[in-house]
Amino acid sequence: MKATVSPALRSCAAITGSVLAFALLIEAGGLIPATAVATFVASTGSRAVNIRDALILSVAVAVAMALLFVGLLNQSFSLVAGL
């Protein structure tokens, strides 16, 4: 018998995990990796999103956030740690 997780629990766990991932990675990894990982983790909350789509979404959101916060709003975020 295969164990199943309710959609509500799966979504809550994915959102909570994405917030935690972002909080842990923003200083250690920079804005782009933290945003990409958080977006990927959040997208796992839906069974309708496959891995390829989640990766594409993660890259697109990370680039958009970098352009918005660093490019347009002149915020002093490190895009990638160590660079």
C-alpha atoms as a PDB file:
ATOM      1  CA  MET A   1       0.000   0.000   0.000  1.00  0.00           C
ATOM      2  CA  LYS A   2       1.401   3.374  -1.050  1.00  0.00           C
ATOM      3  CA  ALA A   3       1.232   6.191   1.489  1.00  0.00           C
ATOM      4  CA  THR A   4      -0.287   9.397   0.172  1.00  0.00           C
ATOM      5  CA  VAL A   5      -0.002  12.923   1.474  1.00  0.00           C
ATOM      6  CA  SER A   6      -3.026  15.178   1.359  1.00  0.00           C
ATOM      7  CA  PRO A   7      -2.746  18.071  -1.112  1.00  0.00           C
ATOM      8  CA  ALA A   8      -3.220  20.622   1.675  1.00  0.00           C
ATOM      9  CA  LEU A   9      -0.384  19.158   3.742  1.00  0.00           C
ATOM     10  CA  ARG A  10       1.855  18.886   0.689  1.00  0.00           C
ATOM     11  CA  SER A  11       1.244  22.543  -0.189  1.00  0.00           C
ATOM     12  CA  CYS A  12       1.824  23.763   3.365  1.00  0.00           C
ATOM     13  CA  ALA A  13       5.043  21.768   3.647  1.00  0.00           C
ATOM     14  CA  ALA A  14       6.300  23.084   0.302  1.00  0.00           C
ATOM     15  CA  ILE A  15       5.598  26.727   1.179  1.00  0.00           C
ATOM     16  CA  THR A  16       7.118  26.373   4.645  1.00  0.00           C
ATOM     17  CA  GLY A  17      10.144  24.647   3.171  1.00  0.00           C
ATOM     18  CA  SER A  18      10.590  27.335   0.536  1.00  0.00           C
ATOM     19  CA  VAL A  19      10.552  30.125   3.128  1.00  0.00           C
ATOM     20  CA  LEU A  20      13.076  28.243   5.274  1.00  0.00           C
ATOM     21  CA  ALA A  21      15.289  27.533   2.272  1.00  0.00           C
ATOM     22  CA  PHE A  22      15.284  31.203   1.288  1.00  0.00           C
ATOM     23  CA  ALA A  23      16.073  32.325   4.832  1.00  0.00           C
ATOM     24  CA  LEU A  24      18.982  29.883   5.089  1.00  0.00           C
ATOM     25  CA  LEU A  25      20.415  30.588   1.629  1.00  0.00           C
ATOM     26  CA  ILE A  26      20.056  34.347   1.141  1.00  0.00           C
ATOM     27  CA  GLU A  27      23.249  35.241   3.011  1.00  0.00           C
ATOM     28  CA  ALA A  28      25.198  32.061   2.303  1.00  0.00           C
ATOM     29  CA  GLY A  29      24.391  31.745  -1.404  1.00  0.00           C
ATOM     30  CA  GLY A  30      23.125  35.106  -2.593  1.00  0.00           C
ATOM     31  CA  LEU A  31      19.855  36.309  -4.111  1.00  0.00           C
ATOM     32  CA  ILE A  32      19.834  34.197  -7.276  1.00  0.00           C
ATOM     33  CA  PRO A  33      20.478  30.771  -5.690  1.00  0.00           C
ATOM     34  CA  ALA A  34      18.184  31.495  -2.718  1.00  0.00           C
ATOM     35  CA  THR A  35      15.341  32.578  -4.984  1.00  0.00           C
ATOM     36  CA  ALA A  36      15.834  29.660  -7.372  1.00  0.00           C
ATOM     37  CA  VAL A  37      15.832  27.061  -4.591  1.00  0.00           C
ATOM     38  CA  ALA A  38      12.867  28.648  -2.809  1.00  0.00           C
ATOM     39  CA  THR A  39      10.862  28.734  -6.043  1.00  0.00           C
ATOM     40  CA  PHE A  40      11.736  25.122  -6.840  1.00  0.00           C
ATOM     41  CA  VAL A  41      10.775  23.917  -3.356  1.00  0.00           C
ATOM     42  CA  ALA A  42       7.497  25.878  -3.454  1.00  0.00           C
ATOM     43  CA  SER A  43       6.624  24.413  -6.852  1.00  0.00           C
ATOM     44  CA  THR A  44       6.854  20.887  -5.441  1.00  0.00           C
ATOM     45  CA  GLY A  45       3.626  21.621  -3.574  1.00  0.00           C
ATOM     46  CA  SER A  46       1.666  20.989  -6.747  1.00  0.00           C
ATOM     47  CA  ARG A  47       1.452  17.609  -8.426  1.00  0.00           C
ATOM     48  CA  ALA A  48       0.650  19.419 -11.695  1.00  0.00           C
ATOM     49  CA  VAL A  49       4.195  20.834 -11.968  1.00  0.00           C
ATOM     50  CA  ASN A  50       6.883  18.469 -13.256  1.00  0.00           C
ATOM     51  CA  ILE A  51      10.604  18.843 -12.549  1.00  0.00           C
ATOM     52  CA  ARG A  52      11.417  20.434 -15.910  1.00  0.00           C
ATOM     53  CA  ASP A  53       8.729  23.084 -15.478  1.00  0.00           C
ATOM     54  CA  ALA A  54       9.837  23.722 -11.890  1.00  0.00           C
ATOM     55  CA  LEU A  55      13.441  24.257 -13.030  1.00  0.00           C
ATOM     56  CA  ILE A  56      12.381  26.636 -15.796  1.00  0.00           C
ATOM     57  CA  LEU A  57      10.173  28.553 -13.372  1.00  0.00           C
ATOM     58  CA  SER A  58      12.973  28.699 -10.783  1.00  0.00           C
ATOM     59  CA  VAL A  59      15.464  30.178 -13.237  1.00  0.00           C
ATOM     60  CA  ALA A  60      12.935  32.673 -14.612  1.00  0.00           C
ATOM     61  CA  VAL A  61      11.873  33.908 -11.160  1.00  0.00           C
ATOM     62  CA  ALA A  62      15.481  34.146  -9.937  1.00  0.00           C
ATOM     63  CA  VAL A  63      16.520  36.237 -12.944  1.00  0.00           C
ATOM     64  CA  ALA A  64      13.419  38.426 -12.650  1.00  0.00           C
ATOM     65  CA  MET A  65      14.048  39.070  -8.942  1.00  0.00           C
ATOM     66  CA  ALA A  66      17.696  39.922  -9.608  1.00  0.00           C
ATOM     67  CA  LEU A  67      16.678  42.391 -12.319  1.00  0.00           C
ATOM     68  CA  LEU A  68      13.953  43.900 -10.157  1.00  0.00           C
ATOM     69  CA  PHE A  69      15.730  44.248  -6.820  1.00  0.00           C
ATOM     70  CA  VAL A  70      19.307  44.877  -7.927  1.00  0.00           C
ATOM     71  CA  GLY A  71      18.806  46.362 -11.384  1.00  0.00           C
ATOM     72  CA  LEU A  72      15.721  48.537 -10.978  1.00  0.00           C
ATOM     73  CA  LEU A  73      15.457  49.178  -7.240  1.00  0.00           C
ATOM     74  CA  ASN A  74      19.246  49.398  -6.614  1.00  0.00           C
ATOM     75  CA  GLN A  75      19.118  47.127  -3.571  1.00  0.00           C
ATOM     76  CA  SER A  76      22.491  45.940  -2.302  1.00  0.00           C
ATOM     77  CA  PHE A  77      21.931  42.187  -2.468  1.00  0.00           C
ATOM     78  CA  SER A  78      24.765  39.853  -3.354  1.00  0.00           C
ATOM     79  CA  LEU A  79      23.575  38.087  -6.509  1.00  0.00           C
ATOM     80  CA  VAL A  80      25.800  35.047  -5.948  1.00  0.00           C
ATOM     81  CA  ALA A  81      27.934  34.633  -2.838  1.00  0.00           C
ATOM     82  CA  GLY A  82      31.622  34.988  -3.476  1.00  0.00           C
ATOM     83  CA  LEU A  83      31.224  36.921  -6.731  1.00  0.00           C
END
